[in-house]
Amino acid sequence: MTQTIEQNNFTSQFFEILDEVFVTHHGILLDKNNSLFETLATIDAATASLPVGGKCASLAAQVKHVNFYIEVLEKYIFGPPPTNVDWGEIWRMVEKVSEAEWDAYRAELKTTYERVSNRLRTMPSWDNQDIIGGAMAIMVHTAYHLGEIRQALCTLR
């Protein structure tokens, strides 16, 4: 027997959690003021430029990576999928940032999130595994990096 989840039941919950990860508290999985954008608003460029330790990436690299990841997944979801993705480039290239660069990284991430979120919200049908898998991957992967960033702040501050 095959059971089906009504699309609206799935997407309404998905978008509420996605919004909590990126934008604001809904009482689902985070404490107040702990979303990604709320957290990033409290970080200056000097702190964002610090590696957490040893061979770890800076917070700026984490943010640039999250943006890159969302853009790559956007291509997988909406096509055509990319053929050559260098997942390591950001980790190799991004470390210290100026205030202007840090502001640009945060603005770029917000723009990317809003674009992809709006594209997902206007999908007439979620009956494609690439849509579901890609959307879930964006949410879960970003939640992971939000945790990394918040944990790093315990050390950096």
C-alpha atoms as a PDB file:
ATOM      1  CA  MET A   1       0.000   0.000   0.000  1.00  0.00           C
ATOM      2  CA  THR A   2       1.408   3.363  -1.031  1.00  0.00           C
ATOM      3  CA  GLN A   3       0.800   6.309   1.237  1.00  0.00           C
ATOM      4  CA  THR A   4       0.980   9.841  -0.061  1.00  0.00           C
ATOM      5  CA  ILE A   5       1.679  13.045   1.826  1.00  0.00           C
ATOM      6  CA  GLU A   6      -0.490  15.925   0.714  1.00  0.00           C
ATOM      7  CA  GLN A   7       1.806  18.472  -0.929  1.00  0.00           C
ATOM      8  CA  ASN A   8       0.498  21.424   1.087  1.00  0.00           C
ATOM      9  CA  ASN A   9       1.035  19.571   4.379  1.00  0.00           C
ATOM     10  CA  PHE A  10       4.644  18.904   3.435  1.00  0.00           C
ATOM     11  CA  THR A  11       5.494  22.290   1.929  1.00  0.00           C
ATOM     12  CA  SER A  12       3.872  24.372   4.676  1.00  0.00           C
ATOM     13  CA  GLN A  13       5.992  22.630   7.316  1.00  0.00           C
ATOM     14  CA  PHE A  14       9.085  22.644   5.114  1.00  0.00           C
ATOM     15  CA  PHE A  15       8.896  26.408   4.529  1.00  0.00           C
ATOM     16  CA  GLU A  16       8.246  27.169   8.182  1.00  0.00           C
ATOM     17  CA  ILE A  17      11.391  25.251   9.172  1.00  0.00           C
ATOM     18  CA  LEU A  18      13.397  26.740   6.289  1.00  0.00           C
ATOM     19  CA  ASP A  19      12.332  30.215   7.410  1.00  0.00           C
ATOM     20  CA  GLU A  20      13.407  29.430  10.965  1.00  0.00           C
ATOM     21  CA  VAL A  21      16.840  28.242   9.832  1.00  0.00           C
ATOM     22  CA  PHE A  22      17.446  31.348   7.716  1.00  0.00           C
ATOM     23  CA  VAL A  23      15.256  34.201   8.936  1.00  0.00           C
ATOM     24  CA  THR A  24      13.466  34.088  12.270  1.00  0.00           C
ATOM     25  CA  HIS A  25      12.316  32.025  15.227  1.00  0.00           C
ATOM     26  CA  HIS A  26       9.073  30.027  15.027  1.00  0.00           C
ATOM     27  CA  GLY A  27       9.716  27.836  18.064  1.00  0.00           C
ATOM     28  CA  ILE A  28      10.423  24.700  16.064  1.00  0.00           C
ATOM     29  CA  LEU A  29      14.138  24.082  16.416  1.00  0.00           C
ATOM     30  CA  LEU A  30      15.958  27.255  17.457  1.00  0.00           C
ATOM     31  CA  ASP A  31      15.943  29.659  20.357  1.00  0.00           C
ATOM     32  CA  LYS A  32      14.949  33.263  19.629  1.00  0.00           C
ATOM     33  CA  ASN A  33      17.421  35.364  17.622  1.00  0.00           C
ATOM     34  CA  ASN A  34      19.429  32.325  16.481  1.00  0.00           C
ATOM     35  CA  SER A  35      18.518  32.057  12.792  1.00  0.00           C
ATOM     36  CA  LEU A  36      21.335  32.307  10.273  1.00  0.00           C
ATOM     37  CA  PHE A  37      20.653  35.907   9.264  1.00  0.00           C
ATOM     38  CA  GLU A  38      20.107  37.007  12.875  1.00  0.00           C
ATOM     39  CA  THR A  39      23.379  35.335  13.873  1.00  0.00           C
ATOM     40  CA  LEU A  40      25.346  36.810  10.961  1.00  0.00           C
ATOM     41  CA  ALA A  41      24.077  40.307  11.814  1.00  0.00           C
ATOM     42  CA  THR A  42      25.984  40.093  15.122  1.00  0.00           C
ATOM     43  CA  ILE A  43      29.346  39.251  13.522  1.00  0.00           C
ATOM     44  CA  ASP A  44      31.812  41.892  12.345  1.00  0.00           C
ATOM     45  CA  ALA A  45      34.367  41.396   9.574  1.00  0.00           C
ATOM     46  CA  ALA A  46      37.247  40.943  12.012  1.00  0.00           C
ATOM     47  CA  THR A  47      35.482  38.052  13.742  1.00  0.00           C
ATOM     48  CA  ALA A  48      34.303  36.611  10.412  1.00  0.00           C
ATOM     49  CA  SER A  49      37.932  36.570   9.254  1.00  0.00           C
ATOM     50  CA  LEU A  50      39.245  34.449  12.108  1.00  0.00           C
ATOM     51  CA  PRO A  51      39.789  30.748  11.552  1.00  0.00           C
ATOM     52  CA  VAL A  52      38.283  28.817  14.431  1.00  0.00           C
ATOM     53  CA  GLY A  53      41.593  27.059  14.934  1.00  0.00           C
ATOM     54  CA  GLY A  54      44.279  25.001  13.313  1.00  0.00           C
ATOM     55  CA  LYS A  55      43.217  24.245   9.778  1.00  0.00           C
ATOM     56  CA  CYS A  56      39.603  25.346  10.197  1.00  0.00           C
ATOM     57  CA  ALA A  57      37.869  27.792   7.885  1.00  0.00           C
ATOM     58  CA  SER A  58      36.869  31.311   8.808  1.00  0.00           C
ATOM     59  CA  LEU A  59      33.225  32.225   9.333  1.00  0.00           C
ATOM     60  CA  ALA A  60      33.426  34.227   6.112  1.00  0.00           C
ATOM     61  CA  ALA A  61      34.317  31.024   4.264  1.00  0.00           C
ATOM     62  CA  GLN A  62      31.383  29.244   5.914  1.00  0.00           C
ATOM     63  CA  VAL A  63      28.991  31.935   4.675  1.00  0.00           C
ATOM     64  CA  LYS A  64      30.455  31.997   1.168  1.00  0.00           C
ATOM     65  CA  HIS A  65      30.229  28.182   1.071  1.00  0.00           C
ATOM     66  CA  VAL A  66      26.564  28.143   2.132  1.00  0.00           C
ATOM     67  CA  ASN A  67      25.752  30.605  -0.648  1.00  0.00           C
ATOM     68  CA  PHE A  68      27.702  28.540  -3.192  1.00  0.00           C
ATOM     69  CA  TYR A  69      25.981  25.344  -2.044  1.00  0.00           C
ATOM     70  CA  ILE A  70      22.518  26.875  -2.449  1.00  0.00           C
ATOM     71  CA  GLU A  71      23.394  28.149  -5.930  1.00  0.00           C
ATOM     72  CA  VAL A  72      24.660  24.714  -6.994  1.00  0.00           C
ATOM     73  CA  LEU A  73      21.565  22.994  -5.597  1.00  0.00           C
ATOM     74  CA  GLU A  74      19.383  25.550  -7.373  1.00  0.00           C
ATOM     75  CA  LYS A  75      20.869  24.297 -10.638  1.00  0.00           C
ATOM     76  CA  TYR A  76      20.243  20.676  -9.670  1.00  0.00           C
ATOM     77  CA  ILE A  77      16.622  21.430  -8.759  1.00  0.00           C
ATOM     78  CA  PHE A  78      15.697  23.643 -11.691  1.00  0.00           C
ATOM     79  CA  GLY A  79      18.291  22.460 -14.224  1.00  0.00           C
ATOM     80  CA  PRO A  80      20.444  22.044 -15.980  1.00  0.00           C
ATOM     81  CA  PRO A  81      22.682  20.419 -13.364  1.00  0.00           C
ATOM     82  CA  PRO A  82      26.265  21.662 -13.272  1.00  0.00           C
ATOM     83  CA  THR A  83      28.916  19.373 -14.698  1.00  0.00           C
ATOM     84  CA  ASN A  84      32.019  20.583 -12.907  1.00  0.00           C
ATOM     85  CA  VAL A  85      31.703  21.839  -9.319  1.00  0.00           C
ATOM     86  CA  ASP A  86      34.824  22.695  -7.313  1.00  0.00           C
ATOM     87  CA  TRP A  87      33.561  22.224  -3.762  1.00  0.00           C
ATOM     88  CA  GLY A  88      36.975  23.035  -2.307  1.00  0.00           C
ATOM     89  CA  GLU A  89      37.614  26.386  -3.990  1.00  0.00           C
ATOM     90  CA  ILE A  90      35.931  28.527  -1.342  1.00  0.00           C
ATOM     91  CA  TRP A  91      37.684  26.712   1.495  1.00  0.00           C
ATOM     92  CA  ARG A  92      41.009  27.369  -0.260  1.00  0.00           C
ATOM     93  CA  MET A  93      40.337  30.977  -1.246  1.00  0.00           C
ATOM     94  CA  VAL A  94      38.239  32.701   1.427  1.00  0.00           C
ATOM     95  CA  GLU A  95      39.718  33.699   4.746  1.00  0.00           C
ATOM     96  CA  LYS A  96      40.034  37.343   5.761  1.00  0.00           C
ATOM     97  CA  VAL A  97      37.419  39.845   4.636  1.00  0.00           C
ATOM     98  CA  SER A  98      37.022  43.607   4.866  1.00  0.00           C
ATOM     99  CA  GLU A  99      33.820  45.131   6.257  1.00  0.00           C
ATOM    100  CA  ALA A 100      32.655  45.776   2.680  1.00  0.00           C
ATOM    101  CA  GLU A 101      33.386  42.187   1.629  1.00  0.00           C
ATOM    102  CA  TRP A 102      31.660  40.802   4.727  1.00  0.00           C
ATOM    103  CA  ASP A 103      28.602  42.958   4.060  1.00  0.00           C
ATOM    104  CA  ALA A 104      28.613  41.750   0.440  1.00  0.00           C
ATOM    105  CA  TYR A 105      28.837  38.065   1.475  1.00  0.00           C
ATOM    106  CA  ARG A 106      25.862  38.443   3.814  1.00  0.00           C
ATOM    107  CA  ALA A 107      23.835  40.388   1.231  1.00  0.00           C
ATOM    108  CA  GLU A 108      24.661  37.846  -1.469  1.00  0.00           C
ATOM    109  CA  LEU A 109      23.513  34.987   0.768  1.00  0.00           C
ATOM    110  CA  LYS A 110      20.265  36.784   1.575  1.00  0.00           C
ATOM    111  CA  THR A 111      19.606  37.467  -2.117  1.00  0.00           C
ATOM    112  CA  THR A 112      20.331  33.851  -3.040  1.00  0.00           C
ATOM    113  CA  TYR A 113      18.114  32.538  -0.244  1.00  0.00           C
ATOM    114  CA  GLU A 114      15.224  34.815  -1.234  1.00  0.00           C
ATOM    115  CA  ARG A 115      15.513  33.901  -4.925  1.00  0.00           C
ATOM    116  CA  VAL A 116      15.664  30.142  -4.359  1.00  0.00           C
ATOM    117  CA  SER A 117      13.033  30.192  -1.615  1.00  0.00           C
ATOM    118  CA  ASN A 118      10.663  32.123  -3.886  1.00  0.00           C
ATOM    119  CA  ARG A 119      11.299  29.718  -6.756  1.00  0.00           C
ATOM    120  CA  LEU A 120      10.544  26.768  -4.482  1.00  0.00           C
ATOM    121  CA  ARG A 121       7.428  28.428  -3.037  1.00  0.00           C
ATOM    122  CA  THR A 122       6.000  28.963  -6.518  1.00  0.00           C
ATOM    123  CA  MET A 123       6.592  25.418  -7.744  1.00  0.00           C
ATOM    124  CA  PRO A 124       3.184  24.125  -8.831  1.00  0.00           C
ATOM    125  CA  SER A 125       4.109  20.552  -8.019  1.00  0.00           C
ATOM    126  CA  TRP A 126       6.612  18.842  -5.742  1.00  0.00           C
ATOM    127  CA  ASP A 127       6.277  15.444  -7.398  1.00  0.00           C
ATOM    128  CA  ASN A 128       9.913  15.366  -8.483  1.00  0.00           C
ATOM    129  CA  GLN A 129      12.617  13.809  -6.308  1.00  0.00           C
ATOM    130  CA  ASP A 130      15.153  16.448  -7.390  1.00  0.00           C
ATOM    131  CA  ILE A 131      12.919  19.197  -6.023  1.00  0.00           C
ATOM    132  CA  ILE A 132      12.281  17.439  -2.720  1.00  0.00           C
ATOM    133  CA  GLY A 133      15.845  16.207  -2.271  1.00  0.00           C
ATOM    134  CA  GLY A 134      17.417  19.500  -3.296  1.00  0.00           C
ATOM    135  CA  ALA A 135      15.137  21.571  -1.079  1.00  0.00           C
ATOM    136  CA  MET A 136      15.696  19.286   1.909  1.00  0.00           C
ATOM    137  CA  ALA A 137      19.457  19.333   1.305  1.00  0.00           C
ATOM    138  CA  ILE A 138      19.491  23.151   1.320  1.00  0.00           C
ATOM    139  CA  MET A 139      17.647  23.243   4.641  1.00  0.00           C
ATOM    140  CA  VAL A 140      19.675  20.514   6.351  1.00  0.00           C
ATOM    141  CA  HIS A 141      23.046  21.662   5.018  1.00  0.00           C
ATOM    142  CA  THR A 142      22.383  25.249   6.080  1.00  0.00           C
ATOM    143  CA  ALA A 143      21.233  24.146   9.535  1.00  0.00           C
ATOM    144  CA  TYR A 144      24.503  22.236   9.874  1.00  0.00           C
ATOM    145  CA  HIS A 145      26.565  25.308   8.976  1.00  0.00           C
ATOM    146  CA  LEU A 146      24.460  27.500  11.260  1.00  0.00           C
ATOM    147  CA  GLY A 147      25.426  25.137  14.083  1.00  0.00           C
ATOM    148  CA  GLU A 148      29.087  25.299  13.036  1.00  0.00           C
ATOM    149  CA  ILE A 149      28.987  29.100  13.010  1.00  0.00           C
ATOM    150  CA  ARG A 150      27.240  29.368  16.377  1.00  0.00           C
ATOM    151  CA  GLN A 151      29.658  26.869  17.941  1.00  0.00           C
ATOM    152  CA  ALA A 152      32.628  28.744  16.473  1.00  0.00           C
ATOM    153  CA  LEU A 153      31.368  31.978  18.020  1.00  0.00           C
ATOM    154  CA  CYS A 154      31.714  30.361  21.458  1.00  0.00           C
ATOM    155  CA  THR A 155      35.437  30.085  20.755  1.00  0.00           C
ATOM    156  CA  LEU A 156      35.974  33.317  18.825  1.00  0.00           C
ATOM    157  CA  ARG A 157      34.178  35.675  21.216  1.00  0.00           C
END
